Amino acid sequence: MWQKCFKLCLVSVLLSGCSAYSTAPPERPNQAPLVLPAQWLNDSRIEQAYFPDPQPSGLTFWNGQLVSISDASAAEQNRRRLHFIAPTTARVTFSETYSISPDLATSCFTEYLTVRPDLEALAKDPLQDNTFITVTEDASRFANYSPECAQQYQASGSTAFPTVLVRLQYDNLTNSLMVIGVRAVQFDPKDNIGNSPNDGIEGLVATASTLYLGLEKDNNNQAQLFTIDYSSGFWERDEFAKAKNKHVNFPNYDLNRPNPINAIELFQWRGKTWLIAAARNDNELWWVDLTDFSLPIYRTEIRYRLANPGGCAEYEFLDNASIEGIAVSEDQLYLVNDPWKRNYAKNIQCDAWGEAYEAFAPQLYQIDLTTAWEHTQPIIPSRVE
């Protein structure tokens, strides 16, 4: 019966164009939160147990290692380069700072990409070896966007400076990194994205035919999932890449408070195609069955546990983690956080880790998919507005 009711609600939501979820009684009562053990990322360039201020945004798995990238708020020495993370030790090594291909010398976006780009997600490019795709979010502080470029890309359907997909090519022999492609993204005005530079695209997944983009929130404080057709000729064109709304009704527990998604991952598991999204404000993971949109979205409530050194309690639970990267490899789920500078110091409970939190040092978390799934429960819509 609940499945029938869910389908009726879903039809109503799609027709109305605006939805709100509140949490109904779970199918699995007394389901405990999933506890994830934390380990500090550690920078191979320095001799200390934590990695100061990389602001990781996005996570992907490549050649047996995790790969991340920094957003615009990171320390300068960490920006515009790939971060390679050893899954077992959390040791981080780096590519060189990227250069810009001469083919893009006259691009409208080249100067922005060389100054302080806000790169907010990362995916392995399935169409070319040693190549990655990232995406920009906030360029509201960029002052040198020419009037000609502003005119060419004004119909973004979102921010004045459009969301830009960026293709990065890594040379593992020289450790060099180069920007070799850019495409601006256009949203349909009917999707009501709004002009919110710091609440834009935060999630990215690439398949051989489709790019998936996760939007933090639209004008209704609603997270959204978009797709873009992807093929071998994608990077040869200058016009907008058009994003299509998948109308996934992510939870919106409070219309007056954003429940954004800040990372997404796509994977095959148990005969289904799953999209998993991190809701950083809610300390939850949201599981979407892409093979059947009539099924409910599942959520996993998360708590993050850090072991302490001697002199402190054996372990402590974090006040907040703020996940911004998800990657799946085989049956393992990896998460990395992007320390929320305004709130990260709230995690300090043991003086031994105070310095790490004050340096906005991120952490890595790992769990197998089966255990994570055992802690899920369905989200059933109980009201629609």
Protein backbone atom coordinates (compact mmCIF):
# COMPACT_ATOMS: atom_id res chain seq x y z
CA MET A 1 0.00 0.00 0.00
CA TRP A 2 2.77 2.47 0.90
CA GLN A 3 4.37 1.95 -2.53
CA LYS A 4 1.08 2.87 -4.21
CA CYS A 5 0.77 5.98 -2.05
CA PHE A 6 4.35 6.92 -2.79
CA LYS A 7 3.75 6.70 -6.54
CA LEU A 8 0.64 8.89 -6.27
CA CYS A 9 2.60 11.46 -4.27
CA LEU A 10 5.44 11.35 -6.76
CA VAL A 11 3.09 12.06 -9.67
CA SER A 12 1.64 14.97 -7.74
CA VAL A 13 5.12 16.32 -7.02
CA LEU A 14 6.19 16.17 -10.65
CA LEU A 15 3.05 17.99 -11.74
CA SER A 16 3.39 20.69 -9.11
CA GLY A 17 7.13 21.26 -9.57
CA CYS A 18 7.76 21.78 -5.86
CA SER A 19 8.02 19.24 -3.09
CA ALA A 20 8.67 18.99 0.61
CA TYR A 21 9.50 15.86 2.56
CA SER A 22 9.17 15.22 6.24
CA THR A 23 10.34 12.06 7.88
CA ALA A 24 7.69 9.35 8.21
CA PRO A 25 8.02 6.42 10.64
CA PRO A 26 10.90 4.29 9.33
CA GLU A 27 10.37 0.84 7.93
CA ARG A 28 13.21 -0.33 10.15
CA PRO A 29 12.40 1.04 13.62
CA ASN A 30 15.23 1.69 16.05
CA GLN A 31 17.72 1.72 13.20
CA ALA A 32 20.98 2.96 14.71
CA PRO A 33 23.14 5.54 12.94
CA LEU A 34 26.09 4.24 10.97
CA VAL A 35 29.31 4.96 12.88
CA LEU A 36 32.28 5.68 10.62
CA PRO A 37 35.83 5.63 12.00
CA ALA A 38 37.89 8.64 10.96
CA GLN A 39 41.53 8.97 10.04
CA TRP A 40 43.32 12.21 9.28
CA LEU A 41 44.52 12.84 5.76
CA ASN A 42 48.27 13.43 6.00
CA ASP A 43 50.36 15.56 3.66
CA SER A 44 53.44 13.82 2.23
CA ARG A 45 55.19 17.21 1.93
CA ILE A 46 55.30 17.84 5.67
CA GLU A 47 56.02 15.84 8.81
CA GLN A 48 52.82 15.97 10.81
CA ALA A 49 49.81 13.75 11.32
CA TYR A 50 47.30 15.94 9.51
CA PHE A 51 46.87 17.91 6.27
CA PRO A 52 46.29 21.67 6.74
CA ASP A 53 43.50 23.35 4.79
CA PRO A 54 43.09 21.46 1.48
CA GLN A 55 39.28 21.88 1.46
CA PRO A 56 38.68 18.63 -0.49
CA SER A 57 35.86 18.88 -3.01
CA GLY A 58 34.99 15.72 -4.85
CA LEU A 59 36.45 12.25 -4.72
CA THR A 60 37.01 9.59 -7.37
CA PHE A 61 38.83 6.26 -7.55
CA TRP A 62 41.63 5.76 -10.11
CA ASN A 63 44.54 3.34 -10.40
CA GLY A 64 44.08 1.95 -6.91
CA GLN A 65 44.00 5.34 -5.22
CA LEU A 66 41.52 8.03 -4.34
CA VAL A 67 41.80 11.38 -6.09
CA SER A 68 40.46 14.73 -4.86
CA ILE A 69 40.76 18.42 -5.67
CA SER A 70 40.62 21.68 -3.68
CA ASP A 71 37.99 24.38 -3.86
CA ALA A 72 38.71 28.11 -3.87
CA SER A 73 38.81 28.45 -0.08
CA ALA A 74 41.83 26.13 0.32
CA ALA A 75 45.35 27.28 1.05
CA GLU A 76 47.12 28.43 -2.11
CA GLN A 77 49.64 25.57 -2.17
CA ASN A 78 46.79 23.05 -2.38
CA ARG A 79 44.70 24.61 -5.15
CA ARG A 80 44.62 23.76 -8.89
CA ARG A 81 46.23 20.34 -8.53
CA LEU A 82 45.13 16.75 -8.04
CA HIS A 83 45.47 15.15 -4.62
CA PHE A 84 46.19 11.41 -4.68
CA ILE A 85 45.09 9.67 -1.47
CA ALA A 86 46.25 6.20 -0.45
CA PRO A 87 43.05 4.44 0.73
CA THR A 88 44.68 2.51 3.60
CA THR A 89 47.03 5.16 5.03
CA ALA A 90 45.29 8.41 3.94
CA ARG A 91 48.73 9.63 2.77
CA VAL A 92 48.37 12.39 0.17
CA THR A 93 50.67 13.07 -2.79
CA PHE A 94 50.12 15.70 -5.45
CA SER A 95 50.28 16.54 -9.10
CA GLU A 96 51.93 19.75 -10.17
CA THR A 97 49.73 22.85 -10.39
CA TYR A 98 47.88 22.67 -13.67
CA SER A 99 48.73 24.69 -16.74
CA ILE A 100 46.28 25.76 -19.44
CA SER A 101 46.46 24.27 -22.91
CA PRO A 102 47.48 26.80 -25.60
CA ASP A 103 44.30 25.78 -27.42
CA LEU A 104 42.33 27.52 -24.66
CA ALA A 105 44.32 30.75 -24.62
CA THR A 106 41.34 32.79 -25.87
CA SER A 107 38.65 31.00 -23.87
CA CYS A 108 36.33 33.17 -21.80
CA PHE A 109 37.16 31.04 -18.77
CA THR A 110 40.95 30.77 -18.95
CA GLU A 111 41.79 33.74 -16.72
CA TYR A 112 39.34 32.61 -14.05
CA LEU A 113 40.82 29.12 -14.06
CA THR A 114 44.31 30.54 -13.49
CA VAL A 115 43.34 32.83 -10.61
CA ARG A 116 41.16 31.25 -7.92
CA PRO A 117 38.68 28.81 -9.44
CA ASP A 118 36.07 27.26 -7.18
CA LEU A 119 36.39 23.61 -8.23
CA GLU A 120 33.70 21.65 -6.40
CA ALA A 121 33.70 18.05 -7.66
CA LEU A 122 35.88 15.51 -9.46
CA ALA A 123 35.23 12.48 -11.66
CA LYS A 124 37.40 10.17 -13.71
CA ASP A 125 36.79 10.83 -17.43
CA PRO A 126 35.68 7.47 -18.90
CA LEU A 127 36.47 8.52 -22.47
CA GLN A 128 40.21 9.10 -22.11
CA ASP A 129 43.02 7.61 -20.02
CA ASN A 130 44.66 9.75 -17.33
CA THR A 131 41.94 12.38 -17.69
CA PHE A 132 39.55 13.85 -15.13
CA ILE A 133 36.58 16.20 -15.14
CA THR A 134 35.88 18.86 -12.53
CA VAL A 135 33.25 21.60 -12.31
CA THR A 136 33.21 25.19 -11.06
CA GLU A 137 30.73 26.75 -8.70
CA ASP A 138 31.30 30.24 -7.32
CA ALA A 139 32.88 32.87 -9.59
CA SER A 140 31.03 35.83 -8.11
CA ARG A 141 34.31 37.48 -7.04
CA PHE A 142 35.92 37.21 -10.48
CA ALA A 143 36.20 40.78 -11.80
CA ASN A 144 37.75 40.28 -15.25
CA TYR A 145 34.94 38.51 -17.09
CA SER A 146 34.77 40.52 -20.31
CA PRO A 147 31.50 42.14 -21.51
CA GLU A 148 31.77 40.02 -24.68
CA CYS A 149 31.98 36.81 -22.68
CA ALA A 150 29.18 37.92 -20.38
CA GLN A 151 27.00 38.51 -23.43
CA GLN A 152 27.88 35.15 -24.99
CA TYR A 153 27.08 33.17 -21.84
CA GLN A 154 24.40 35.31 -20.20
CA ALA A 155 21.60 32.77 -20.77
CA SER A 156 23.02 30.30 -18.25
CA GLY A 157 19.71 29.75 -16.47
CA SER A 158 21.62 30.18 -13.22
CA THR A 159 24.49 32.44 -12.18
CA ALA A 160 25.88 35.40 -14.11
CA PHE A 161 29.17 33.55 -14.50
CA PRO A 162 28.05 30.10 -15.61
CA THR A 163 28.90 26.74 -14.13
CA VAL A 164 31.86 25.43 -16.16
CA LEU A 165 32.92 21.84 -16.76
CA VAL A 166 36.70 21.49 -16.92
CA ARG A 167 38.71 18.62 -18.41
CA LEU A 168 42.10 17.87 -16.83
CA GLN A 169 44.80 15.67 -18.36
CA TYR A 170 47.39 14.13 -16.06
CA ASP A 171 50.82 12.94 -17.20
CA ASN A 172 52.01 10.40 -14.66
CA LEU A 173 55.54 10.38 -16.09
CA THR A 174 56.12 14.08 -15.47
CA ASN A 175 53.45 14.53 -12.77
CA SER A 176 52.12 17.47 -14.79
CA LEU A 177 48.46 18.46 -15.11
CA MET A 178 46.85 20.49 -17.88
CA VAL A 179 43.42 21.97 -18.55
CA ILE A 180 42.51 20.68 -22.02
CA GLY A 181 38.78 21.40 -22.24
CA VAL A 182 36.04 23.71 -20.94
CA ARG A 183 32.27 23.83 -21.47
CA ALA A 184 29.77 26.17 -19.87
CA VAL A 185 26.54 24.63 -18.57
CA GLN A 186 23.05 25.93 -19.31
CA PHE A 187 19.99 25.19 -17.17
CA ASP A 188 16.38 25.53 -18.24
CA PRO A 189 14.83 28.66 -16.65
CA LYS A 190 11.80 26.52 -15.79
CA ASP A 191 13.99 24.61 -13.33
CA ASN A 192 14.19 27.74 -11.17
CA ILE A 193 17.84 27.34 -10.25
CA GLY A 194 18.27 30.94 -9.17
CA ASN A 195 21.39 33.08 -8.99
CA SER A 196 23.09 31.55 -5.93
CA PRO A 197 26.83 31.37 -6.70
CA ASN A 198 27.76 29.51 -3.52
CA ASP A 199 24.92 26.99 -3.68
CA GLY A 200 25.41 25.55 -7.14
CA ILE A 201 26.85 22.32 -8.51
CA GLU A 202 28.67 20.28 -5.86
CA GLY A 203 28.45 16.75 -7.26
CA LEU A 204 29.72 15.20 -10.49
CA VAL A 205 29.73 11.68 -11.94
CA ALA A 206 30.82 10.77 -15.49
CA THR A 207 29.81 7.73 -17.53
CA ALA A 208 30.60 6.97 -21.18
CA SER A 209 27.33 8.63 -22.25
CA THR A 210 26.19 10.89 -19.41
CA LEU A 211 27.45 13.48 -16.95
CA TYR A 212 25.48 13.67 -13.70
CA LEU A 213 25.47 16.98 -11.83
CA GLY A 214 24.30 17.38 -8.24
CA LEU A 215 22.92 20.83 -7.36
CA GLU A 216 23.07 21.98 -3.74
CA LYS A 217 19.76 23.82 -3.90
CA ASP A 218 17.44 25.73 -6.21
CA ASN A 219 15.22 28.72 -5.40
CA ASN A 220 12.99 26.41 -3.36
CA ASN A 221 15.88 25.18 -1.19
CA GLN A 222 15.56 21.88 -3.05
CA ALA A 223 18.55 19.74 -4.07
CA GLN A 224 18.39 18.58 -7.70
CA LEU A 225 20.02 16.05 -10.04
CA PHE A 226 20.79 16.96 -13.66
CA THR A 227 22.24 15.07 -16.61
CA ILE A 228 24.19 16.19 -19.66
CA ASP A 229 24.70 14.07 -22.77
CA TYR A 230 28.36 13.12 -23.07
CA SER A 231 30.30 11.79 -26.05
CA SER A 232 33.73 11.95 -27.70
CA GLY A 233 32.97 15.27 -29.44
CA PHE A 234 31.74 16.98 -26.28
CA TRP A 235 34.84 19.12 -25.66
CA GLU A 236 35.15 20.33 -29.26
CA ARG A 237 32.10 22.60 -29.03
CA ASP A 238 31.86 26.14 -27.63
CA GLU A 239 28.12 26.43 -27.08
CA PHE A 240 26.40 25.68 -23.80
CA ALA A 241 26.18 22.09 -22.60
CA LYS A 242 22.49 21.75 -21.74
CA ALA A 243 21.53 20.22 -18.40
CA LYS A 244 18.33 18.19 -18.08
CA ASN A 245 16.52 17.88 -14.77
CA LYS A 246 16.03 14.28 -13.66
CA HIS A 247 13.30 15.31 -11.18
CA VAL A 248 14.69 13.26 -8.33
CA ASN A 249 12.80 14.41 -5.27
CA PHE A 250 15.54 14.58 -2.72
CA PRO A 251 14.43 15.10 0.88
CA ASN A 252 13.61 18.61 1.98
CA TYR A 253 13.00 18.33 5.70
CA ASP A 254 12.46 22.05 6.19
CA LEU A 255 11.52 24.46 3.40
CA ASN A 256 13.20 27.30 5.31
CA ARG A 257 16.50 25.47 5.76
CA PRO A 258 18.54 24.00 2.89
CA ASN A 259 19.14 20.26 2.84
CA PRO A 260 21.81 20.33 0.15
CA ILE A 261 23.72 17.53 -1.51
CA ASN A 262 27.45 18.15 -1.65
CA ALA A 263 28.75 15.01 -3.36
CA ILE A 264 27.38 12.19 -5.51
CA GLU A 265 28.57 8.82 -6.75
CA LEU A 266 27.10 6.28 -9.20
CA PHE A 267 27.72 2.55 -8.92
CA GLN A 268 26.33 -0.86 -9.80
CA TRP A 269 25.41 -3.00 -6.81
CA ARG A 270 23.17 -6.02 -6.34
CA GLY A 271 21.88 -5.79 -9.90
CA LYS A 272 20.85 -2.14 -9.67
CA THR A 273 22.26 1.27 -10.56
CA TRP A 274 22.55 3.42 -7.46
CA LEU A 275 23.20 7.09 -7.02
CA ILE A 276 24.37 7.97 -3.54
CA ALA A 277 24.44 11.58 -2.35
CA ALA A 278 25.97 13.19 0.72
CA ALA A 279 23.73 15.63 2.59
CA ARG A 280 26.37 17.47 4.59
CA ASN A 281 23.99 19.64 6.64
CA ASP A 282 22.10 16.58 7.85
CA ASN A 283 24.93 14.05 8.33
CA GLU A 284 23.11 11.67 6.01
CA LEU A 285 23.65 9.65 2.85
CA TRP A 286 20.75 9.41 0.39
CA TRP A 287 20.44 6.31 -1.82
CA VAL A 288 18.52 6.66 -5.11
CA ASP A 289 17.67 3.56 -7.17
CA LEU A 290 18.14 4.88 -10.72
CA THR A 291 16.63 1.71 -12.19
CA ASP A 292 13.22 2.52 -10.67
CA PHE A 293 12.33 6.11 -9.72
CA SER A 294 9.02 4.95 -8.21
CA LEU A 295 10.90 3.42 -5.28
CA PRO A 296 11.59 5.54 -2.21
CA ILE A 297 14.89 7.20 -1.53
CA TYR A 298 16.74 5.60 1.38
CA ARG A 299 18.79 7.45 3.94
CA THR A 300 21.69 6.49 6.17
CA GLU A 301 22.19 8.60 9.27
CA ILE A 302 25.90 8.92 10.05
CA ARG A 303 28.05 9.63 13.05
CA TYR A 304 31.81 10.09 12.73
CA ARG A 305 34.16 8.67 15.37
CA LEU A 306 37.77 9.68 15.86
CA ALA A 307 40.25 7.71 17.97
CA ASN A 308 42.15 9.86 20.45
CA PRO A 309 45.75 9.67 21.64
CA GLY A 310 46.68 8.97 25.23
CA GLY A 311 45.50 11.45 27.81
CA CYS A 312 42.06 11.82 26.25
CA ALA A 313 38.95 9.70 26.10
CA GLU A 314 39.42 6.61 23.92
CA TYR A 315 37.42 8.18 21.11
CA GLU A 316 35.05 11.07 20.40
CA PHE A 317 32.15 11.76 18.06
CA LEU A 318 32.43 14.75 15.74
CA ASP A 319 29.98 17.62 16.07
CA ASN A 320 30.03 17.93 12.25
CA ALA A 321 32.06 16.55 9.36
CA SER A 322 30.65 18.17 6.19
CA ILE A 323 31.17 15.47 3.58
CA GLU A 324 32.02 16.73 0.08
CA GLY A 325 33.49 13.65 -1.57
CA ILE A 326 32.15 10.12 -2.17
CA ALA A 327 33.77 7.28 -4.09
CA VAL A 328 32.91 3.60 -4.46
CA SER A 329 35.39 0.91 -5.44
CA GLU A 330 34.18 -2.68 -5.58
CA ASP A 331 32.27 -3.08 -2.29
CA GLN A 332 33.94 -0.21 -0.42
CA LEU A 333 32.48 3.23 0.19
CA TYR A 334 34.90 6.11 0.83
CA LEU A 335 34.01 9.57 2.12
CA VAL A 336 36.14 12.68 2.60
CA ASN A 337 35.07 15.85 4.38
CA ASP A 338 35.53 19.51 3.51
CA PRO A 339 36.00 21.26 6.86
CA TRP A 340 33.36 23.93 7.31
CA LYS A 341 35.53 26.78 8.52
CA ARG A 342 32.78 28.48 10.49
CA ASN A 343 31.92 25.34 12.46
CA TYR A 344 34.89 22.97 12.38
CA ALA A 345 36.35 24.07 15.71
CA LYS A 346 33.16 22.81 17.37
CA ASN A 347 34.65 19.33 16.97
CA ILE A 348 37.44 20.04 19.47
CA GLN A 349 36.99 17.83 22.50
CA CYS A 350 40.51 16.54 23.03
CA ASP A 351 43.29 19.13 23.15
CA ALA A 352 45.59 16.77 21.28
CA TRP A 353 43.54 17.31 18.09
CA GLY A 354 42.75 20.98 18.62
CA GLU A 355 45.53 22.14 16.32
CA ALA A 356 44.34 19.85 13.51
CA TYR A 357 40.77 21.13 13.69
CA GLU A 358 41.96 24.73 13.81
CA ALA A 359 44.01 24.04 10.66
CA PHE A 360 40.86 22.72 8.90
CA ALA A 361 42.43 19.31 8.43
CA PRO A 362 40.11 16.83 6.65
CA GLN A 363 39.43 13.20 7.44
CA LEU A 364 38.87 10.03 5.42
CA TYR A 365 36.14 7.48 6.20
CA GLN A 366 35.62 3.98 4.81
CA ILE A 367 32.89 1.34 5.13
CA ASP A 368 31.69 -1.62 3.10
CA LEU A 369 28.44 -1.15 1.17
CA THR A 370 26.64 -4.03 2.87
CA THR A 371 27.18 -2.56 6.32
CA ALA A 372 26.18 0.90 5.12
CA TRP A 373 22.99 -0.49 3.56
CA GLU A 374 22.06 -2.28 6.78
CA HIS A 375 21.75 1.14 8.41
CA THR A 376 19.35 2.60 5.83
CA GLN A 377 15.66 3.32 6.11
CA PRO A 378 13.22 4.58 3.46
CA ILE A 379 12.14 8.21 3.32
CA ILE A 380 8.39 8.33 2.78
CA PRO A 381 6.82 11.67 1.77
CA SER A 382 4.20 12.70 4.28
CA ARG A 383 3.29 16.07 2.81
CA VAL A 384 3.52 17.86 -0.51
CA GLU A 385 3.28 21.61 -0.98
